[in-house]
């Protein structure tokens, strides 16, 4: 399975939100979409955290300050 980029994951998360805003969605489908949204948000957050750590490391900034 090909690893998705941050932008691809964010786009998928945005689609999940749009789908959940649809008042016609069935409850079981809404729960599945909600769970997928949580999964996507965790992955995106981790990617942002990793990028921040890399930037801080490259800048030589002491995070403990």
N, C-alpha and C. Protein backbone atom coordinates (compact mmCIF):
# COMPACT_ATOMS: atom_id res chain seq x y z
N UNK A 1 0.84 -1.18 0.00
CA UNK A 1 0.00 0.00 0.00
C UNK A 1 0.88 1.24 0.00
N UNK A 2 0.58 2.17 -0.89
CA UNK A 2 1.35 3.40 -1.01
C UNK A 2 1.01 4.35 0.13
N UNK A 3 2.05 4.92 0.72
CA UNK A 3 1.85 5.87 1.81
C UNK A 3 1.33 7.19 1.25
N UNK A 4 0.24 7.68 1.83
CA UNK A 4 -0.36 8.92 1.36
C UNK A 4 0.38 10.12 1.93
N UNK A 5 0.34 11.20 1.18
CA UNK A 5 0.95 12.44 1.64
C UNK A 5 0.02 13.13 2.64
N UNK A 6 0.58 14.09 3.36
CA UNK A 6 -0.22 14.88 4.30
C UNK A 6 -1.40 15.52 3.58
N UNK A 7 -1.13 16.07 2.41
CA UNK A 7 -2.18 16.76 1.64
C UNK A 7 -3.29 15.81 1.22
N UNK A 8 -2.92 14.59 0.83
CA UNK A 8 -3.93 13.59 0.45
C UNK A 8 -4.79 13.19 1.65
N UNK A 9 -4.13 13.01 2.79
CA UNK A 9 -4.86 12.64 4.01
C UNK A 9 -5.79 13.76 4.45
N UNK A 10 -5.31 14.99 4.36
CA UNK A 10 -6.12 16.14 4.75
C UNK A 10 -7.34 16.28 3.83
N UNK A 11 -7.14 16.04 2.56
CA UNK A 11 -8.24 16.10 1.60
C UNK A 11 -9.28 15.03 1.92
N UNK A 12 -8.82 13.83 2.26
CA UNK A 12 -9.74 12.76 2.64
C UNK A 12 -10.49 13.13 3.92
N UNK A 13 -9.79 13.72 4.88
CA UNK A 13 -10.43 14.15 6.12
C UNK A 13 -11.49 15.21 5.85
N UNK A 14 -11.19 16.14 4.96
CA UNK A 14 -12.17 17.17 4.59
C UNK A 14 -13.42 16.54 3.97
N UNK A 15 -13.22 15.50 3.17
CA UNK A 15 -14.36 14.82 2.55
C UNK A 15 -15.19 14.10 3.61
N UNK A 16 -14.53 13.50 4.59
CA UNK A 16 -15.24 12.84 5.68
C UNK A 16 -16.13 13.85 6.41
N UNK A 17 -15.57 15.03 6.68
CA UNK A 17 -16.34 16.08 7.36
C UNK A 17 -17.56 16.47 6.53
N UNK A 18 -17.37 16.66 5.24
CA UNK A 18 -18.49 17.00 4.36
C UNK A 18 -19.55 15.90 4.38
N UNK A 19 -19.11 14.65 4.34
CA UNK A 19 -20.04 13.53 4.37
C UNK A 19 -20.83 13.51 5.67
N UNK A 20 -20.15 13.78 6.78
CA UNK A 20 -20.83 13.78 8.08
C UNK A 20 -21.81 14.96 8.22
N UNK A 21 -21.55 16.04 7.52
CA UNK A 21 -22.46 17.18 7.55
C UNK A 21 -23.75 16.93 6.76
N UNK A 22 -23.73 15.89 5.93
CA UNK A 22 -24.89 15.52 5.14
C UNK A 22 -25.94 14.91 6.07
N UNK A 23 -27.08 15.51 6.14
CA UNK A 23 -28.13 15.06 7.05
C UNK A 23 -28.78 13.75 6.61
N UNK A 24 -28.48 13.31 5.40
CA UNK A 24 -29.09 12.10 4.87
C UNK A 24 -28.28 10.83 5.15
N UNK A 25 -27.15 10.97 5.79
CA UNK A 25 -26.27 9.82 6.02
C UNK A 25 -26.85 8.91 7.11
N UNK A 26 -26.77 7.61 6.88
CA UNK A 26 -27.28 6.63 7.85
C UNK A 26 -26.36 6.59 9.07
N UNK A 27 -26.91 6.23 10.20
CA UNK A 27 -26.16 6.24 11.45
C UNK A 27 -24.94 5.33 11.38
N UNK A 28 -25.10 4.11 10.89
CA UNK A 28 -23.95 3.20 10.84
C UNK A 28 -22.85 3.73 9.94
N UNK A 29 -23.23 4.36 8.84
CA UNK A 29 -22.24 4.97 7.94
C UNK A 29 -21.59 6.18 8.60
N UNK A 30 -22.37 6.95 9.34
CA UNK A 30 -21.83 8.12 10.05
C UNK A 30 -20.80 7.69 11.09
N UNK A 31 -21.08 6.61 11.79
CA UNK A 31 -20.13 6.11 12.81
C UNK A 31 -18.83 5.66 12.13
N UNK A 32 -18.93 4.96 11.02
CA UNK A 32 -17.74 4.53 10.29
C UNK A 32 -16.93 5.72 9.80
N UNK A 33 -17.63 6.72 9.27
CA UNK A 33 -16.95 7.92 8.78
C UNK A 33 -16.28 8.66 9.93
N UNK A 34 -16.97 8.75 11.07
CA UNK A 34 -16.43 9.42 12.24
C UNK A 34 -15.14 8.73 12.70
N UNK A 35 -15.18 7.40 12.75
CA UNK A 35 -13.99 6.65 13.16
C UNK A 35 -12.84 6.86 12.18
N UNK A 36 -13.15 6.88 10.90
CA UNK A 36 -12.12 7.14 9.89
C UNK A 36 -11.56 8.55 10.04
N UNK A 37 -12.44 9.50 10.33
CA UNK A 37 -12.01 10.87 10.56
C UNK A 37 -11.05 10.98 11.73
N UNK A 38 -11.35 10.28 12.81
CA UNK A 38 -10.46 10.28 13.97
C UNK A 38 -9.09 9.70 13.60
N UNK A 39 -9.12 8.60 12.87
CA UNK A 39 -7.88 7.96 12.44
C UNK A 39 -7.05 8.91 11.57
N UNK A 40 -7.72 9.56 10.63
CA UNK A 40 -7.02 10.50 9.74
C UNK A 40 -6.45 11.68 10.51
N UNK A 41 -7.22 12.21 11.45
CA UNK A 41 -6.75 13.36 12.21
C UNK A 41 -5.53 12.99 13.06
N UNK A 42 -5.51 11.79 13.62
CA UNK A 42 -4.35 11.35 14.40
C UNK A 42 -3.11 11.21 13.51
N UNK A 43 -3.30 10.65 12.32
CA UNK A 43 -2.18 10.49 11.39
C UNK A 43 -1.64 11.86 10.97
N UNK A 44 -2.55 12.78 10.63
CA UNK A 44 -2.13 14.12 10.21
C UNK A 44 -1.41 14.84 11.35
N UNK A 45 -1.94 14.73 12.56
CA UNK A 45 -1.32 15.37 13.71
C UNK A 45 0.09 14.83 13.93
N UNK A 46 0.25 13.52 13.82
CA UNK A 46 1.58 12.92 14.00
C UNK A 46 2.54 13.40 12.92
N UNK A 47 2.06 13.53 11.71
CA UNK A 47 2.91 14.02 10.63
C UNK A 47 3.36 15.45 10.90
N UNK A 48 2.46 16.28 11.41
CA UNK A 48 2.81 17.66 11.76
C UNK A 48 3.81 17.70 12.90
N UNK A 49 3.61 16.86 13.89
CA UNK A 49 4.54 16.77 15.02
C UNK A 49 5.94 16.37 14.52
N UNK A 50 5.99 15.38 13.64
CA UNK A 50 7.28 14.92 13.11
C UNK A 50 7.97 16.03 12.31
N UNK A 51 7.20 16.76 11.52
CA UNK A 51 7.76 17.87 10.74
C UNK A 51 8.29 18.96 11.66
N UNK A 52 7.54 19.27 12.71
CA UNK A 52 7.98 20.29 13.66
C UNK A 52 9.29 19.88 14.33
N UNK A 53 9.38 18.62 14.74
CA UNK A 53 10.61 18.14 15.38
C UNK A 53 11.80 18.25 14.43
N UNK A 54 11.58 17.93 13.17
CA UNK A 54 12.64 18.02 12.18
C UNK A 54 13.09 19.46 11.99
N UNK A 55 12.15 20.37 11.92
CA UNK A 55 12.47 21.79 11.74
C UNK A 55 13.22 22.32 12.96
N UNK A 56 12.74 22.00 14.14
CA UNK A 56 13.39 22.45 15.36
C UNK A 56 14.81 21.89 15.43
N UNK A 57 14.96 20.63 15.07
CA UNK A 57 16.29 20.00 15.08
C UNK A 57 17.22 20.70 14.10
N UNK A 58 16.72 20.98 12.89
CA UNK A 58 17.53 21.63 11.86
C UNK A 58 17.92 23.05 12.25
N UNK A 59 17.08 23.71 13.00
CA UNK A 59 17.35 25.08 13.43
C UNK A 59 18.28 25.12 14.64
N UNK A 60 18.45 23.98 15.29
CA UNK A 60 19.29 23.92 16.47
C UNK A 60 18.66 24.60 17.67
N UNK A 61 17.32 24.62 17.70
CA UNK A 61 16.60 25.26 18.79
C UNK A 61 16.47 24.28 19.95
N UNK A 62 16.69 24.78 21.15
CA UNK A 62 16.52 23.96 22.34
C UNK A 62 15.06 24.02 22.76
N UNK A 63 14.33 22.89 22.63
CA UNK A 63 12.90 22.85 22.96
C UNK A 63 12.63 23.00 24.44
N UNK A 64 13.63 22.81 25.28
CA UNK A 64 13.40 22.87 26.72
C UNK A 64 13.30 24.30 27.23
N UNK A 65 13.61 25.26 26.38
CA UNK A 65 13.56 26.68 26.79
C UNK A 65 12.14 27.16 26.79
